[in-house]
mmCIF file of all heavy atoms, coordinates in Angstrom:
data_MODEL
# 
_entry.id   MODEL 
# 
loop_
_atom_site.group_PDB 
_atom_site.id 
_atom_site.type_symbol 
_atom_site.label_atom_id 
_atom_site.label_alt_id 
_atom_site.label_comp_id 
_atom_site.label_asym_id 
_atom_site.label_entity_id 
_atom_site.label_seq_id 
_atom_site.pdbx_PDB_ins_code 
_atom_site.Cartn_x 
_atom_site.Cartn_y 
_atom_site.Cartn_z 
_atom_site.occupancy 
_atom_site.B_iso_or_equiv 
_atom_site.pdbx_formal_charge 
_atom_site.auth_seq_id 
_atom_site.auth_comp_id 
_atom_site.auth_asym_id 
_atom_site.auth_atom_id 
_atom_site.pdbx_PDB_model_num 
ATOM 1   N N   . ILE A 1 1  ? 115.598 53.785 150.974 1.00 0.00 ? 1  ILE A N   1 
ATOM 2   C CA  . ILE A 1 1  ? 114.969 54.698 150.011 1.00 0.00 ? 1  ILE A CA  1 
ATOM 3   C C   . ILE A 1 1  ? 114.876 54.057 148.631 1.00 0.00 ? 1  ILE A C   1 
ATOM 4   O O   . ILE A 1 1  ? 113.829 54.087 147.982 1.00 0.00 ? 1  ILE A O   1 
ATOM 5   C CB  . ILE A 1 1  ? 115.742 56.028 149.941 1.00 0.00 ? 1  ILE A CB  1 
ATOM 6   C CG1 . ILE A 1 1  ? 115.549 56.788 151.262 1.00 0.00 ? 1  ILE A CG1 1 
ATOM 7   C CG2 . ILE A 1 1  ? 115.247 56.872 148.769 1.00 0.00 ? 1  ILE A CG2 1 
ATOM 8   C CD1 . ILE A 1 1  ? 116.267 58.120 151.320 1.00 0.00 ? 1  ILE A CD1 1 
ATOM 9   N N   . ASP A 1 2  ? 115.958 53.441 148.180 1.00 0.00 ? 2  ASP A N   1 
ATOM 10  C CA  . ASP A 1 2  ? 115.971 52.827 146.848 1.00 0.00 ? 2  ASP A CA  1 
ATOM 11  C C   . ASP A 1 2  ? 115.572 51.360 146.975 1.00 0.00 ? 2  ASP A C   1 
ATOM 12  O O   . ASP A 1 2  ? 116.410 50.492 147.212 1.00 0.00 ? 2  ASP A O   1 
ATOM 13  C CB  . ASP A 1 2  ? 117.362 52.968 146.216 1.00 0.00 ? 2  ASP A CB  1 
ATOM 14  C CG  . ASP A 1 2  ? 117.370 52.553 144.754 1.00 0.00 ? 2  ASP A CG  1 
ATOM 15  O OD1 . ASP A 1 2  ? 116.280 52.255 144.221 1.00 0.00 ? 2  ASP A OD1 1 
ATOM 16  O OD2 . ASP A 1 2  ? 118.450 52.529 144.146 1.00 0.00 ? 2  ASP A OD2 1 
ATOM 17  N N   . LEU A 1 3  ? 114.287 51.083 146.794 1.00 0.00 ? 3  LEU A N   1 
ATOM 18  C CA  . LEU A 1 3  ? 113.760 49.735 147.031 1.00 0.00 ? 3  LEU A CA  1 
ATOM 19  C C   . LEU A 1 3  ? 113.623 48.917 145.751 1.00 0.00 ? 3  LEU A C   1 
ATOM 20  O O   . LEU A 1 3  ? 113.125 47.790 145.789 1.00 0.00 ? 3  LEU A O   1 
ATOM 21  C CB  . LEU A 1 3  ? 112.399 49.839 147.727 1.00 0.00 ? 3  LEU A CB  1 
ATOM 22  C CG  . LEU A 1 3  ? 112.433 50.367 149.164 1.00 0.00 ? 3  LEU A CG  1 
ATOM 23  C CD1 . LEU A 1 3  ? 111.031 50.697 149.660 1.00 0.00 ? 3  LEU A CD1 1 
ATOM 24  C CD2 . LEU A 1 3  ? 113.100 49.354 150.083 1.00 0.00 ? 3  LEU A CD2 1 
ATOM 25  N N   . HIS A 1 4  ? 114.014 49.479 144.601 1.00 0.00 ? 4  HIS A N   1 
ATOM 26  C CA  . HIS A 1 4  ? 113.909 48.789 143.319 1.00 0.00 ? 4  HIS A CA  1 
ATOM 27  C C   . HIS A 1 4  ? 112.506 48.223 143.116 1.00 0.00 ? 4  HIS A C   1 
ATOM 28  O O   . HIS A 1 4  ? 112.322 47.055 142.769 1.00 0.00 ? 4  HIS A O   1 
ATOM 29  C CB  . HIS A 1 4  ? 114.958 47.674 143.207 1.00 0.00 ? 4  HIS A CB  1 
ATOM 30  C CG  . HIS A 1 4  ? 116.365 48.174 143.267 1.00 0.00 ? 4  HIS A CG  1 
ATOM 31  N ND1 . HIS A 1 4  ? 117.096 48.211 144.447 1.00 0.00 ? 4  HIS A ND1 1 
ATOM 32  C CD2 . HIS A 1 4  ? 117.174 48.689 142.308 1.00 0.00 ? 4  HIS A CD2 1 
ATOM 33  C CE1 . HIS A 1 4  ? 118.300 48.701 144.201 1.00 0.00 ? 4  HIS A CE1 1 
ATOM 34  N NE2 . HIS A 1 4  ? 118.371 49.016 142.917 1.00 0.00 ? 4  HIS A NE2 1 
ATOM 35  N N   . ALA A 1 5  ? 111.532 49.064 143.373 1.00 0.00 ? 5  ALA A N   1 
ATOM 36  C CA  . ALA A 1 5  ? 110.130 48.673 143.238 1.00 0.00 ? 5  ALA A CA  1 
ATOM 37  C C   . ALA A 1 5  ? 109.353 49.864 142.681 1.00 0.00 ? 5  ALA A C   1 
ATOM 38  O O   . ALA A 1 5  ? 109.906 50.946 142.483 1.00 0.00 ? 5  ALA A O   1 
ATOM 39  C CB  . ALA A 1 5  ? 109.559 48.243 144.598 1.00 0.00 ? 5  ALA A CB  1 
ATOM 40  N N   . ASP A 1 6  ? 108.074 49.642 142.415 1.00 0.00 ? 6  ASP A N   1 
ATOM 41  C CA  . ASP A 1 6  ? 107.240 50.738 141.913 1.00 0.00 ? 6  ASP A CA  1 
ATOM 42  C C   . ASP A 1 6  ? 107.155 51.881 142.920 1.00 0.00 ? 6  ASP A C   1 
ATOM 43  O O   . ASP A 1 6  ? 106.873 53.019 142.564 1.00 0.00 ? 6  ASP A O   1 
ATOM 44  C CB  . ASP A 1 6  ? 105.825 50.227 141.606 1.00 0.00 ? 6  ASP A CB  1 
ATOM 45  C CG  . ASP A 1 6  ? 105.816 49.245 140.444 1.00 0.00 ? 6  ASP A CG  1 
ATOM 46  O OD1 . ASP A 1 6  ? 106.759 49.300 139.627 1.00 0.00 ? 6  ASP A OD1 1 
ATOM 47  O OD2 . ASP A 1 6  ? 104.886 48.431 140.345 1.00 0.00 ? 6  ASP A OD2 1 
ATOM 48  N N   . MET A 1 7  ? 107.395 51.558 144.175 1.00 0.00 ? 7  MET A N   1 
ATOM 49  C CA  . MET A 1 7  ? 107.309 52.527 145.268 1.00 0.00 ? 7  MET A CA  1 
ATOM 50  C C   . MET A 1 7  ? 108.678 52.652 145.932 1.00 0.00 ? 7  MET A C   1 
ATOM 51  O O   . MET A 1 7  ? 109.258 51.648 146.359 1.00 0.00 ? 7  MET A O   1 
ATOM 52  C CB  . MET A 1 7  ? 106.258 52.021 146.280 1.00 0.00 ? 7  MET A CB  1 
ATOM 53  C CG  . MET A 1 7  ? 105.861 53.010 147.351 1.00 0.00 ? 7  MET A CG  1 
ATOM 54  S SD  . MET A 1 7  ? 104.665 52.243 148.507 1.00 0.00 ? 7  MET A SD  1 
ATOM 55  C CE  . MET A 1 7  ? 103.318 51.833 147.409 1.00 0.00 ? 7  MET A CE  1 
ATOM 56  N N   . ASP A 1 8  ? 109.227 53.871 146.009 1.00 0.00 ? 8  ASP A N   1 
ATOM 57  C CA  . ASP A 1 8  ? 110.490 54.030 146.723 1.00 0.00 ? 8  ASP A CA  1 
ATOM 58  C C   . ASP A 1 8  ? 110.209 54.337 148.199 1.00 0.00 ? 8  ASP A C   1 
ATOM 59  O O   . ASP A 1 8  ? 109.057 54.366 148.633 1.00 0.00 ? 8  ASP A O   1 
ATOM 60  C CB  . ASP A 1 8  ? 111.372 55.104 146.082 1.00 0.00 ? 8  ASP A CB  1 
ATOM 61  C CG  . ASP A 1 8  ? 110.769 56.514 146.147 1.00 0.00 ? 8  ASP A CG  1 
ATOM 62  O OD1 . ASP A 1 8  ? 109.862 56.745 146.967 1.00 0.00 ? 8  ASP A OD1 1 
ATOM 63  O OD2 . ASP A 1 8  ? 111.218 57.376 145.373 1.00 0.00 ? 8  ASP A OD2 1 
ATOM 64  N N   . GLY A 1 9  ? 111.276 54.566 148.958 1.00 0.00 ? 9  GLY A N   1 
ATOM 65  C CA  . GLY A 1 9  ? 111.106 54.781 150.398 1.00 0.00 ? 9  GLY A CA  1 
ATOM 66  C C   . GLY A 1 9  ? 110.276 55.999 150.734 1.00 0.00 ? 9  GLY A C   1 
ATOM 67  O O   . GLY A 1 9  ? 109.506 55.992 151.701 1.00 0.00 ? 9  GLY A O   1 
ATOM 68  N N   . PHE A 1 10 ? 110.407 57.059 149.923 1.00 0.00 ? 10 PHE A N   1 
ATOM 69  C CA  . PHE A 1 10 ? 109.614 58.264 150.171 1.00 0.00 ? 10 PHE A CA  1 
ATOM 70  C C   . PHE A 1 10 ? 108.130 58.014 149.917 1.00 0.00 ? 10 PHE A C   1 
ATOM 71  O O   . PHE A 1 10 ? 107.267 58.445 150.684 1.00 0.00 ? 10 PHE A O   1 
ATOM 72  C CB  . PHE A 1 10 ? 110.113 59.413 149.290 1.00 0.00 ? 10 PHE A CB  1 
ATOM 73  C CG  . PHE A 1 10 ? 111.480 59.907 149.640 1.00 0.00 ? 10 PHE A CG  1 
ATOM 74  C CD1 . PHE A 1 10 ? 112.465 60.002 148.675 1.00 0.00 ? 10 PHE A CD1 1 
ATOM 75  C CD2 . PHE A 1 10 ? 111.807 60.270 150.941 1.00 0.00 ? 10 PHE A CD2 1 
ATOM 76  C CE1 . PHE A 1 10 ? 113.737 60.458 148.986 1.00 0.00 ? 10 PHE A CE1 1 
ATOM 77  C CE2 . PHE A 1 10 ? 113.070 60.727 151.277 1.00 0.00 ? 10 PHE A CE2 1 
ATOM 78  C CZ  . PHE A 1 10 ? 114.044 60.820 150.294 1.00 0.00 ? 10 PHE A CZ  1 
ATOM 79  N N   . ASP A 1 11 ? 107.836 57.311 148.805 1.00 0.00 ? 11 ASP A N   1 
ATOM 80  C CA  . ASP A 1 11 ? 106.442 56.976 148.509 1.00 0.00 ? 11 ASP A CA  1 
ATOM 81  C C   . ASP A 1 11 ? 105.860 56.077 149.599 1.00 0.00 ? 11 ASP A C   1 
ATOM 82  O O   . ASP A 1 11 ? 104.704 56.226 150.008 1.00 0.00 ? 11 ASP A O   1 
ATOM 83  C CB  . ASP A 1 11 ? 106.335 56.265 147.156 1.00 0.00 ? 11 ASP A CB  1 
ATOM 84  C CG  . ASP A 1 11 ? 106.707 57.167 145.995 1.00 0.00 ? 11 ASP A CG  1 
ATOM 85  O OD1 . ASP A 1 11 ? 106.427 58.376 146.078 1.00 0.00 ? 11 ASP A OD1 1 
ATOM 86  O OD2 . ASP A 1 11 ? 107.290 56.658 145.008 1.00 0.00 ? 11 ASP A OD2 1 
ATOM 87  N N   . LEU A 1 12 ? 106.669 55.138 150.069 1.00 0.00 ? 12 LEU A N   1 
ATOM 88  C CA  . LEU A 1 12 ? 106.226 54.239 151.137 1.00 0.00 ? 12 LEU A CA  1 
ATOM 89  C C   . LEU A 1 12 ? 105.923 55.025 152.410 1.00 0.00 ? 12 LEU A C   1 
ATOM 90  O O   . LEU A 1 12 ? 104.914 54.782 153.079 1.00 0.00 ? 12 LEU A O   1 
ATOM 91  C CB  . LEU A 1 12 ? 107.308 53.187 151.404 1.00 0.00 ? 12 LEU A CB  1 
ATOM 92  C CG  . LEU A 1 12 ? 107.074 52.221 152.567 1.00 0.00 ? 12 LEU A CG  1 
ATOM 93  C CD1 . LEU A 1 12 ? 105.753 51.489 152.411 1.00 0.00 ? 12 LEU A CD1 1 
ATOM 94  C CD2 . LEU A 1 12 ? 108.240 51.224 152.667 1.00 0.00 ? 12 LEU A CD2 1 
ATOM 95  N N   . ALA A 1 13 ? 106.797 55.975 152.725 1.00 0.00 ? 13 ALA A N   1 
ATOM 96  C CA  . ALA A 1 13 ? 106.581 56.796 153.926 1.00 0.00 ? 13 ALA A CA  1 
ATOM 97  C C   . ALA A 1 13 ? 105.276 57.592 153.825 1.00 0.00 ? 13 ALA A C   1 
ATOM 98  O O   . ALA A 1 13 ? 104.553 57.747 154.807 1.00 0.00 ? 13 ALA A O   1 
ATOM 99  C CB  . ALA A 1 13 ? 107.765 57.731 154.135 1.00 0.00 ? 13 ALA A CB  1 
ATOM 100 N N   . LYS A 1 14 ? 104.994 58.123 152.628 1.00 0.00 ? 14 LYS A N   1 
ATOM 101 C CA  . LYS A 1 14 ? 103.749 58.870 152.439 1.00 0.00 ? 14 LYS A CA  1 
ATOM 102 C C   . LYS A 1 14 ? 102.536 57.969 152.657 1.00 0.00 ? 14 LYS A C   1 
ATOM 103 O O   . LYS A 1 14 ? 101.530 58.391 153.240 1.00 0.00 ? 14 LYS A O   1 
ATOM 104 C CB  . LYS A 1 14 ? 103.713 59.474 151.033 1.00 0.00 ? 14 LYS A CB  1 
ATOM 105 C CG  . LYS A 1 14 ? 104.670 60.650 150.842 1.00 0.00 ? 14 LYS A CG  1 
ATOM 106 C CD  . LYS A 1 14 ? 104.740 61.106 149.408 1.00 0.00 ? 14 LYS A CD  1 
ATOM 107 C CE  . LYS A 1 14 ? 103.419 61.699 148.944 1.00 0.00 ? 14 LYS A CE  1 
ATOM 108 N NZ  . LYS A 1 14 ? 103.522 62.196 147.543 1.00 0.00 ? 14 LYS A NZ  1 
ATOM 109 N N   . GLU A 1 15 ? 102.614 56.723 152.192 1.00 0.00 ? 15 GLU A N   1 
ATOM 110 C CA  . GLU A 1 15 ? 101.522 55.769 152.412 1.00 0.00 ? 15 GLU A CA  1 
ATOM 111 C C   . GLU A 1 15 ? 101.364 55.465 153.900 1.00 0.00 ? 15 GLU A C   1 
ATOM 112 O O   . GLU A 1 15 ? 100.251 55.358 154.413 1.00 0.00 ? 15 GLU A O   1 
ATOM 113 C CB  . GLU A 1 15 ? 101.784 54.476 151.636 1.00 0.00 ? 15 GLU A CB  1 
ATOM 114 C CG  . GLU A 1 15 ? 101.605 54.589 150.138 1.00 0.00 ? 15 GLU A CG  1 
ATOM 115 C CD  . GLU A 1 15 ? 100.153 54.850 149.765 1.00 0.00 ? 15 GLU A CD  1 
ATOM 116 O OE1 . GLU A 1 15 ? 99.252  54.264 150.390 1.00 0.00 ? 15 GLU A OE1 1 
ATOM 117 O OE2 . GLU A 1 15 ? 99.923  55.660 148.849 1.00 0.00 ? 15 GLU A OE2 1 
ATOM 118 N N   . ILE A 1 16 ? 102.481 55.332 154.601 1.00 0.00 ? 16 ILE A N   1 
ATOM 119 C CA  . ILE A 1 16 ? 102.442 55.065 156.038 1.00 0.00 ? 16 ILE A CA  1 
ATOM 120 C C   . ILE A 1 16 ? 101.746 56.210 156.767 1.00 0.00 ? 16 ILE A C   1 
ATOM 121 O O   . ILE A 1 16 ? 100.940 55.989 157.677 1.00 0.00 ? 16 ILE A O   1 
ATOM 122 C CB  . ILE A 1 16 ? 103.874 54.857 156.587 1.00 0.00 ? 16 ILE A CB  1 
ATOM 123 C CG1 . ILE A 1 16 ? 104.442 53.529 156.083 1.00 0.00 ? 16 ILE A CG1 1 
ATOM 124 C CG2 . ILE A 1 16 ? 103.887 54.898 158.123 1.00 0.00 ? 16 ILE A CG2 1 
ATOM 125 C CD1 . ILE A 1 16 ? 105.926 53.362 156.333 1.00 0.00 ? 16 ILE A CD1 1 
ATOM 126 N N   . ARG A 1 17 ? 102.042 57.433 156.353 1.00 0.00 ? 17 ARG A N   1 
ATOM 127 C CA  . ARG A 1 17 ? 101.450 58.601 157.005 1.00 0.00 ? 17 ARG A CA  1 
ATOM 128 C C   . ARG A 1 17 ? 99.925  58.632 156.866 1.00 0.00 ? 17 ARG A C   1 
ATOM 129 O O   . ARG A 1 17 ? 99.235  59.274 157.661 1.00 0.00 ? 17 ARG A O   1 
ATOM 130 C CB  . ARG A 1 17 ? 102.047 59.883 156.430 1.00 0.00 ? 17 ARG A CB  1 
ATOM 131 C CG  . ARG A 1 17 ? 103.440 60.191 156.958 1.00 0.00 ? 17 ARG A CG  1 
ATOM 132 C CD  . ARG A 1 17 ? 103.376 60.692 158.398 1.00 0.00 ? 17 ARG A CD  1 
ATOM 133 N NE  . ARG A 1 17 ? 104.712 60.962 158.937 1.00 0.00 ? 17 ARG A NE  1 
ATOM 134 C CZ  . ARG A 1 17 ? 105.243 60.300 159.934 1.00 0.00 ? 17 ARG A CZ  1 
ATOM 135 N NH1 . ARG A 1 17 ? 104.579 59.301 160.509 1.00 0.00 ? 17 ARG A NH1 1 
ATOM 136 N NH2 . ARG A 1 17 ? 106.444 60.616 160.393 1.00 0.00 ? 17 ARG A NH2 1 
ATOM 137 N N   . ASN A 1 18 ? 99.376  57.915 155.881 1.00 0.00 ? 18 ASN A N   1 
ATOM 138 C CA  . ASN A 1 18 ? 97.923  57.896 155.703 1.00 0.00 ? 18 ASN A CA  1 
ATOM 139 C C   . ASN A 1 18 ? 97.197  57.162 156.833 1.00 0.00 ? 18 ASN A C   1 
ATOM 140 O O   . ASN A 1 18 ? 96.030  57.431 157.102 1.00 0.00 ? 18 ASN A O   1 
ATOM 141 C CB  . ASN A 1 18 ? 97.551  57.240 154.362 1.00 0.00 ? 18 ASN A CB  1 
ATOM 142 C CG  . ASN A 1 18 ? 97.889  58.108 153.177 1.00 0.00 ? 18 ASN A CG  1 
ATOM 143 O OD1 . ASN A 1 18 ? 97.909  59.331 153.286 1.00 0.00 ? 18 ASN A OD1 1 
ATOM 144 N ND2 . ASN A 1 18 ? 98.161  57.488 152.038 1.00 0.00 ? 18 ASN A ND2 1 
ATOM 145 N N   . PHE A 1 19 ? 97.903  56.214 157.493 1.00 0.00 ? 19 PHE A N   1 
ATOM 146 C CA  . PHE A 1 19 ? 97.258  55.479 158.583 1.00 0.00 ? 19 PHE A CA  1 
ATOM 147 C C   . PHE A 1 19 ? 98.027  55.561 159.900 1.00 0.00 ? 19 PHE A C   1 
ATOM 148 O O   . PHE A 1 19 ? 97.530  55.128 160.934 1.00 0.00 ? 19 PHE A O   1 
ATOM 149 C CB  . PHE A 1 19 ? 97.037  54.000 158.199 1.00 0.00 ? 19 PHE A CB  1 
ATOM 150 C CG  . PHE A 1 19 ? 98.307  53.242 157.887 1.00 0.00 ? 19 PHE A CG  1 
ATOM 151 C CD1 . PHE A 1 19 ? 99.052  52.652 158.890 1.00 0.00 ? 19 PHE A CD1 1 
ATOM 152 C CD2 . PHE A 1 19 ? 98.734  53.121 156.578 1.00 0.00 ? 19 PHE A CD2 1 
ATOM 153 C CE1 . PHE A 1 19 ? 100.204 51.964 158.604 1.00 0.00 ? 19 PHE A CE1 1 
ATOM 154 C CE2 . PHE A 1 19 ? 99.897  52.429 156.273 1.00 0.00 ? 19 PHE A CE2 1 
ATOM 155 C CZ  . PHE A 1 19 ? 100.631 51.848 157.284 1.00 0.00 ? 19 PHE A CZ  1 
ATOM 156 N N   . ASP A 1 20 ? 99.215  56.108 159.871 1.00 0.00 ? 20 ASP A N   1 
ATOM 157 C CA  . ASP A 1 20 ? 100.018 56.259 161.097 1.00 0.00 ? 20 ASP A CA  1 
ATOM 158 C C   . ASP A 1 20 ? 100.672 57.636 161.072 1.00 0.00 ? 20 ASP A C   1 
ATOM 159 O O   . ASP A 1 20 ? 101.859 57.774 160.770 1.00 0.00 ? 20 ASP A O   1 
ATOM 160 C CB  . ASP A 1 20 ? 101.063 55.149 161.191 1.00 0.00 ? 20 ASP A CB  1 
ATOM 161 C CG  . ASP A 1 20 ? 101.768 55.122 162.549 1.00 0.00 ? 20 ASP A CG  1 
ATOM 162 O OD1 . ASP A 1 20 ? 101.506 56.039 163.361 1.00 0.00 ? 20 ASP A OD1 1 
ATOM 163 O OD2 . ASP A 1 20 ? 102.583 54.210 162.790 1.00 0.00 ? 20 ASP A OD2 1 
ATOM 164 N N   . SER A 1 21 ? 99.880  58.643 161.386 1.00 0.00 ? 21 SER A N   1 
ATOM 165 C CA  . SER A 1 21 ? 100.360 60.027 161.272 1.00 0.00 ? 21 SER A CA  1 
ATOM 166 C C   . SER A 1 21 ? 101.424 60.368 162.306 1.00 0.00 ? 21 SER A C   1 
ATOM 167 O O   . SER A 1 21 ? 102.176 61.326 162.137 1.00 0.00 ? 21 SER A O   1 
ATOM 168 C CB  . SER A 1 21 ? 99.177  60.996 161.396 1.00 0.00 ? 21 SER A CB  1 
ATOM 169 O OG  . SER A 1 21 ? 98.547  60.850 162.660 1.00 0.00 ? 21 SER A OG  1 
ATOM 170 N N   . ARG A 1 22 ? 101.496 59.586 163.399 1.00 0.00 ? 22 ARG A N   1 
ATOM 171 C CA  . ARG A 1 22 ? 102.442 59.892 164.460 1.00 0.00 ? 22 ARG A CA  1 
ATOM 172 C C   . ARG A 1 22 ? 103.582 58.887 164.552 1.00 0.00 ? 22 ARG A C   1 
ATOM 173 O O   . ARG A 1 22 ? 104.353 58.891 165.504 1.00 0.00 ? 22 ARG A O   1 
ATOM 174 C CB  . ARG A 1 22 ? 101.711 59.956 165.805 1.00 0.00 ? 22 ARG A CB  1 
ATOM 175 C CG  . ARG A 1 22 ? 100.678 61.061 165.868 1.00 0.00 ? 22 ARG A CG  1 
ATOM 176 C CD  . ARG A 1 22 ? 100.016 61.137 167.207 1.00 0.00 ? 22 ARG A CD  1 
ATOM 177 N NE  . ARG A 1 22 ? 99.362  59.887 167.584 1.00 0.00 ? 22 ARG A NE  1 
ATOM 178 C CZ  . ARG A 1 22 ? 98.579  59.740 168.641 1.00 0.00 ? 22 ARG A CZ  1 
ATOM 179 N NH1 . ARG A 1 22 ? 98.380  60.764 169.440 1.00 0.00 ? 22 ARG A NH1 1 
ATOM 180 N NH2 . ARG A 1 22 ? 98.007  58.590 168.905 1.00 0.00 ? 22 ARG A NH2 1 
ATOM 181 N N   . GLY A 1 23 ? 103.684 58.008 163.552 1.00 0.00 ? 23 GLY A N   1 
ATOM 182 C CA  . GLY A 1 23 ? 104.746 57.008 163.562 1.00 0.00 ? 23 GLY A CA  1 
ATOM 183 C C   . GLY A 1 23 ? 106.124 57.638 163.419 1.00 0.00 ? 23 GLY A C   1 
ATOM 184 O O   . GLY A 1 23 ? 106.274 58.789 163.008 1.00 0.00 ? 23 GLY A O   1 
ATOM 185 N N   . PHE A 1 24 ? 107.155 56.856 163.743 1.00 0.00 ? 24 PHE A N   1 
ATOM 186 C CA  . PHE A 1 24 ? 108.535 57.339 163.739 1.00 0.00 ? 24 PHE A CA  1 
ATOM 187 C C   . PHE A 1 24 ? 109.269 56.722 162.549 1.00 0.00 ? 24 PHE A C   1 
ATOM 188 O O   . PHE A 1 24 ? 109.463 55.503 162.504 1.00 0.00 ? 24 PHE A O   1 
ATOM 189 C CB  . PHE A 1 24 ? 109.216 56.969 165.053 1.00 0.00 ? 24 PHE A CB  1 
ATOM 190 C CG  . PHE A 1 24 ? 108.429 57.414 166.255 1.00 0.00 ? 24 PHE A CG  1 
ATOM 191 C CD1 . PHE A 1 24 ? 107.593 56.528 166.918 1.00 0.00 ? 24 PHE A CD1 1 
ATOM 192 C CD2 . PHE A 1 24 ? 108.475 58.727 166.696 1.00 0.00 ? 24 PHE A CD2 1 
ATOM 193 C CE1 . PHE A 1 24 ? 106.851 56.928 168.021 1.00 0.00 ? 24 PHE A CE1 1 
ATOM 194 C CE2 . PHE A 1 24 ? 107.738 59.142 167.798 1.00 0.00 ? 24 PHE A CE2 1 
ATOM 195 C CZ  . PHE A 1 24 ? 106.918 58.244 168.455 1.00 0.00 ? 24 PHE A CZ  1 
ATOM 196 N N   . ILE A 1 25 ? 109.651 57.562 161.588 1.00 0.00 ? 25 ILE A N   1 
ATOM 197 C CA  . ILE A 1 25 ? 110.251 57.088 160.345 1.00 0.00 ? 25 ILE A CA  1 
ATOM 198 C C   . ILE A 1 25 ? 111.732 57.457 160.290 1.00 0.00 ? 25 ILE A C   1 
ATOM 199 O O   . ILE A 1 25 ? 112.112 58.613 160.497 1.00 0.00 ? 25 ILE A O   1 
ATOM 200 C CB  . ILE A 1 25 ? 109.516 57.685 159.131 1.00 0.00 ? 25 ILE A CB  1 
ATOM 201 C CG1 . ILE A 1 25 ? 108.070 57.156 159.086 1.00 0.00 ? 25 ILE A CG1 1 
ATOM 202 C CG2 . ILE A 1 25 ? 110.244 57.346 157.833 1.00 0.00 ? 25 ILE A CG2 1 
ATOM 203 C CD1 . ILE A 1 25 ? 107.232 57.777 157.992 1.00 0.00 ? 25 ILE A CD1 1 
# 
């Protein structure tokens, strides 16, 4: 979750959901 970047784990997961709606997170 804490990736020390502009995008944290939650933001990354939201981006993933844009192209992989059924992926396992």
